[in-house]
Amino acid sequence: MKLNNDFLVHTSGNETVVVPTGKAAFSGIVKGNLTLGAMLEILKNDVSEEELIKKMKEQYDAPDGAIEKDIRKLLGSLRKIGALDE
């Protein structure tokens, strides 16, 4: 899976935003922190959920299960707005 090309990611300061292009069915803005930005950066390339989890664990130290929970939540949100190519 990877981030759909109809969505643009921009990080400024401590905030990351995902904005749809005119081709996307979703119209709105998704806001998040730098961790969101790191996940989306990985999703610019085709990866599995397991690879995404592994790469995030390499970058962040978090309690057991926290990264997996956050990634599943993110993927669910991205699926809902049509931002993932699977």
N, C-alpha and C. Protein backbone atom coordinates (compact mmCIF):
# COMPACT_ATOMS: atom_id res chain seq x y z
N MET A 1 0.84 -1.17 0.00
CA MET A 1 0.00 0.00 0.00
C MET A 1 0.88 1.23 0.00
N LYS A 2 0.31 2.33 -0.49
CA LYS A 2 1.04 3.59 -0.47
C LYS A 2 0.05 4.74 -0.52
N LEU A 3 0.54 5.93 -0.20
CA LEU A 3 -0.28 7.11 -0.22
C LEU A 3 -0.68 7.42 -1.66
N ASN A 4 -1.96 7.69 -1.85
CA ASN A 4 -2.49 8.00 -3.17
C ASN A 4 -1.90 9.33 -3.66
N ASN A 5 -1.58 9.40 -4.94
CA ASN A 5 -0.98 10.60 -5.52
C ASN A 5 -1.92 11.80 -5.53
N ASP A 6 -3.20 11.57 -5.24
CA ASP A 6 -4.16 12.66 -5.19
C ASP A 6 -4.12 13.41 -3.85
N PHE A 7 -3.16 13.07 -3.00
CA PHE A 7 -3.01 13.72 -1.69
C PHE A 7 -1.59 14.22 -1.53
N LEU A 8 -1.46 15.44 -1.04
CA LEU A 8 -0.17 16.06 -0.81
C LEU A 8 0.09 16.16 0.68
N VAL A 9 1.34 16.00 1.07
CA VAL A 9 1.74 16.07 2.47
C VAL A 9 2.67 17.26 2.64
N HIS A 10 2.41 18.06 3.67
CA HIS A 10 3.27 19.20 3.97
C HIS A 10 3.53 19.24 5.47
N THR A 11 4.79 19.38 5.83
CA THR A 11 5.16 19.51 7.24
C THR A 11 5.82 20.86 7.44
N SER A 12 5.35 21.56 8.46
CA SER A 12 5.90 22.86 8.81
C SER A 12 5.93 22.96 10.33
N GLY A 13 7.09 23.24 10.86
CA GLY A 13 7.21 23.29 12.32
C GLY A 13 6.92 21.93 12.90
N ASN A 14 5.97 21.86 13.83
CA ASN A 14 5.61 20.59 14.47
C ASN A 14 4.30 20.02 13.93
N GLU A 15 3.84 20.53 12.80
CA GLU A 15 2.55 20.10 12.27
C GLU A 15 2.69 19.54 10.86
N THR A 16 1.96 18.47 10.61
CA THR A 16 1.88 17.87 9.29
C THR A 16 0.44 17.95 8.82
N VAL A 17 0.26 18.32 7.56
CA VAL A 17 -1.09 18.35 6.98
C VAL A 17 -1.12 17.52 5.71
N VAL A 18 -2.27 16.90 5.49
CA VAL A 18 -2.52 16.14 4.27
C VAL A 18 -3.65 16.87 3.56
N VAL A 19 -3.39 17.24 2.30
CA VAL A 19 -4.35 18.02 1.54
C VAL A 19 -4.66 17.28 0.24
N PRO A 20 -5.95 17.14 -0.10
CA PRO A 20 -6.29 16.49 -1.36
C PRO A 20 -6.09 17.43 -2.55
N THR A 21 -5.75 16.87 -3.68
CA THR A 21 -5.72 17.65 -4.91
C THR A 21 -7.14 17.70 -5.45
N GLY A 22 -7.34 18.38 -6.55
CA GLY A 22 -8.66 18.47 -7.15
C GLY A 22 -9.19 17.14 -7.64
N LYS A 23 -8.34 16.15 -7.80
CA LYS A 23 -8.76 14.83 -8.30
C LYS A 23 -9.33 13.94 -7.20
N ALA A 24 -9.07 14.25 -5.95
CA ALA A 24 -9.52 13.41 -4.84
C ALA A 24 -11.00 13.64 -4.55
N ALA A 25 -11.67 12.58 -4.14
CA ALA A 25 -13.09 12.68 -3.77
C ALA A 25 -13.26 13.37 -2.42
N PHE A 26 -12.26 13.29 -1.56
CA PHE A 26 -12.29 13.90 -0.23
C PHE A 26 -11.99 15.39 -0.35
N SER A 27 -12.72 16.20 0.38
CA SER A 27 -12.40 17.63 0.42
C SER A 27 -12.29 18.04 1.88
N GLY A 28 -11.09 18.29 2.29
CA GLY A 28 -10.82 18.66 3.67
C GLY A 28 -9.33 18.63 3.90
N ILE A 29 -8.94 18.80 5.14
CA ILE A 29 -7.53 18.77 5.51
C ILE A 29 -7.38 17.85 6.71
N VAL A 30 -6.36 17.02 6.68
CA VAL A 30 -6.03 16.16 7.81
C VAL A 30 -4.81 16.76 8.47
N LYS A 31 -4.91 17.06 9.77
CA LYS A 31 -3.79 17.65 10.51
C LYS A 31 -3.24 16.66 11.51
N GLY A 32 -1.94 16.73 11.72
CA GLY A 32 -1.32 15.86 12.70
C GLY A 32 0.05 16.39 13.09
N ASN A 33 0.77 15.58 13.85
CA ASN A 33 2.08 15.98 14.35
C ASN A 33 3.21 15.42 13.49
N LEU A 34 4.42 15.56 13.97
CA LEU A 34 5.57 15.07 13.20
C LEU A 34 5.58 13.55 13.05
N THR A 35 4.99 12.85 14.01
CA THR A 35 4.90 11.39 13.89
C THR A 35 4.03 11.01 12.70
N LEU A 36 2.94 11.73 12.51
CA LEU A 36 2.11 11.52 11.31
C LEU A 36 2.95 11.75 10.07
N GLY A 37 3.72 12.81 10.09
CA GLY A 37 4.59 13.11 8.95
C GLY A 37 5.57 11.99 8.66
N ALA A 38 6.12 11.39 9.70
CA ALA A 38 7.06 10.28 9.51
C ALA A 38 6.36 9.07 8.90
N MET A 39 5.14 8.77 9.37
CA MET A 39 4.39 7.63 8.80
C MET A 39 4.06 7.89 7.34
N LEU A 40 3.63 9.11 7.03
CA LEU A 40 3.27 9.44 5.66
C LEU A 40 4.48 9.44 4.73
N GLU A 41 5.63 9.83 5.26
CA GLU A 41 6.86 9.79 4.46
C GLU A 41 7.16 8.35 4.04
N ILE A 42 6.99 7.41 4.95
CA ILE A 42 7.19 6.00 4.64
C ILE A 42 6.16 5.54 3.62
N LEU A 43 4.92 6.03 3.75
CA LEU A 43 3.84 5.62 2.85
C LEU A 43 3.95 6.23 1.45
N LYS A 44 4.94 7.05 1.21
CA LYS A 44 5.16 7.56 -0.15
C LYS A 44 5.65 6.43 -1.05
N ASN A 45 6.17 5.37 -0.44
CA ASN A 45 6.62 4.19 -1.17
C ASN A 45 5.70 3.03 -0.82
N ASP A 46 5.64 2.06 -1.69
CA ASP A 46 4.78 0.89 -1.48
C ASP A 46 5.35 0.04 -0.34
N VAL A 47 4.59 -0.09 0.75
CA VAL A 47 5.02 -0.88 1.91
C VAL A 47 3.84 -1.66 2.46
N SER A 48 4.14 -2.70 3.19
CA SER A 48 3.09 -3.45 3.89
C SER A 48 2.89 -2.81 5.26
N GLU A 49 1.82 -3.17 5.93
CA GLU A 49 1.58 -2.67 7.28
C GLU A 49 2.72 -3.09 8.21
N GLU A 50 3.20 -4.31 8.04
CA GLU A 50 4.29 -4.81 8.87
C GLU A 50 5.58 -4.02 8.64
N GLU A 51 5.86 -3.67 7.37
CA GLU A 51 7.05 -2.87 7.07
C GLU A 51 6.93 -1.47 7.67
N LEU A 52 5.74 -0.90 7.60
CA LEU A 52 5.51 0.42 8.18
C LEU A 52 5.75 0.39 9.69
N ILE A 53 5.23 -0.62 10.35
CA ILE A 53 5.44 -0.77 11.79
C ILE A 53 6.93 -0.91 12.10
N LYS A 54 7.62 -1.76 11.35
CA LYS A 54 9.05 -1.98 11.58
C LYS A 54 9.84 -0.69 11.42
N LYS A 55 9.55 0.07 10.36
CA LYS A 55 10.28 1.31 10.11
C LYS A 55 9.99 2.36 11.19
N MET A 56 8.76 2.41 11.66
CA MET A 56 8.44 3.36 12.72
C MET A 56 9.13 2.97 14.03
N LYS A 57 9.21 1.67 14.30
CA LYS A 57 9.90 1.21 15.52
C LYS A 57 11.39 1.53 15.46
N GLU A 58 11.96 1.58 14.26
CA GLU A 58 13.37 1.95 14.12
C GLU A 58 13.59 3.42 14.44
N GLN A 59 12.56 4.25 14.22
CA GLN A 59 12.67 5.70 14.43
C GLN A 59 12.23 6.15 15.81
N TYR A 60 11.27 5.43 16.40
CA TYR A 60 10.65 5.88 17.65
C TYR A 60 10.69 4.81 18.71
N ASP A 61 10.91 5.24 19.94
CA ASP A 61 10.85 4.36 21.09
C ASP A 61 9.50 4.60 21.75
N ALA A 62 8.66 3.58 21.76
CA ALA A 62 7.30 3.72 22.31
C ALA A 62 6.95 2.46 23.09
N PRO A 63 5.98 2.56 23.99
CA PRO A 63 5.53 1.37 24.74
C PRO A 63 5.02 0.29 23.78
N ASP A 64 5.11 -0.96 24.22
CA ASP A 64 4.64 -2.08 23.40
C ASP A 64 3.21 -1.84 22.94
N GLY A 65 2.98 -2.02 21.66
CA GLY A 65 1.65 -1.91 21.10
C GLY A 65 1.24 -0.51 20.67
N ALA A 66 1.94 0.52 21.15
CA ALA A 66 1.54 1.90 20.85
C ALA A 66 1.70 2.22 19.36
N ILE A 67 2.82 1.83 18.78
CA ILE A 67 3.06 2.12 17.37
C ILE A 67 2.06 1.38 16.50
N GLU A 68 1.83 0.12 16.81
CA GLU A 68 0.86 -0.67 16.04
C GLU A 68 -0.53 -0.04 16.10
N LYS A 69 -0.92 0.38 17.30
CA LYS A 69 -2.25 1.00 17.49
C LYS A 69 -2.35 2.28 16.66
N ASP A 70 -1.33 3.13 16.73
CA ASP A 70 -1.34 4.39 16.00
C ASP A 70 -1.37 4.16 14.49
N ILE A 71 -0.62 3.19 14.02
CA ILE A 71 -0.58 2.91 12.59
C ILE A 71 -1.92 2.37 12.11
N ARG A 72 -2.53 1.48 12.86
CA ARG A 72 -3.84 0.95 12.46
C ARG A 72 -4.88 2.06 12.41
N LYS A 73 -4.82 2.98 13.37
CA LYS A 73 -5.74 4.11 13.39
C LYS A 73 -5.51 5.00 12.16
N LEU A 74 -4.25 5.29 11.87
CA LEU A 74 -3.92 6.11 10.70
C LEU A 74 -4.39 5.45 9.41
N LEU A 75 -4.09 4.17 9.25
CA LEU A 75 -4.48 3.48 8.03
C LEU A 75 -5.99 3.47 7.86
N GLY A 76 -6.72 3.28 8.95
CA GLY A 76 -8.18 3.32 8.89
C GLY A 76 -8.68 4.68 8.43
N SER A 77 -8.08 5.74 8.95
CA SER A 77 -8.46 7.11 8.56
C SER A 77 -8.12 7.38 7.11
N LEU A 78 -6.94 6.95 6.66
CA LEU A 78 -6.56 7.16 5.27
C LEU A 78 -7.45 6.36 4.31
N ARG A 79 -7.82 5.17 4.71
CA ARG A 79 -8.74 4.37 3.88
C ARG A 79 -10.09 5.06 3.75
N LYS A 80 -10.56 5.60 4.86
CA LYS A 80 -11.88 6.24 4.89
C LYS A 80 -11.96 7.41 3.90
N ILE A 81 -10.87 8.15 3.73
CA ILE A 81 -10.90 9.30 2.83
C ILE A 81 -10.35 8.97 1.44
N GLY A 82 -10.00 7.71 1.21
CA GLY A 82 -9.52 7.30 -0.11
C GLY A 82 -8.09 7.70 -0.40
N ALA A 83 -7.27 7.84 0.64
CA ALA A 83 -5.91 8.31 0.46
C ALA A 83 -4.88 7.19 0.33
N LEU A 84 -5.33 5.93 0.35
CA LEU A 84 -4.38 4.81 0.21
C LEU A 84 -4.64 4.05 -1.07
N ASP A 85 -3.58 3.71 -1.75
CA ASP A 85 -3.63 2.78 -2.88
C ASP A 85 -3.18 1.44 -2.34
N GLU A 86 -4.08 0.43 -2.43
CA GLU A 86 -3.73 -0.88 -1.89
C GLU A 86 -3.77 -1.94 -2.96
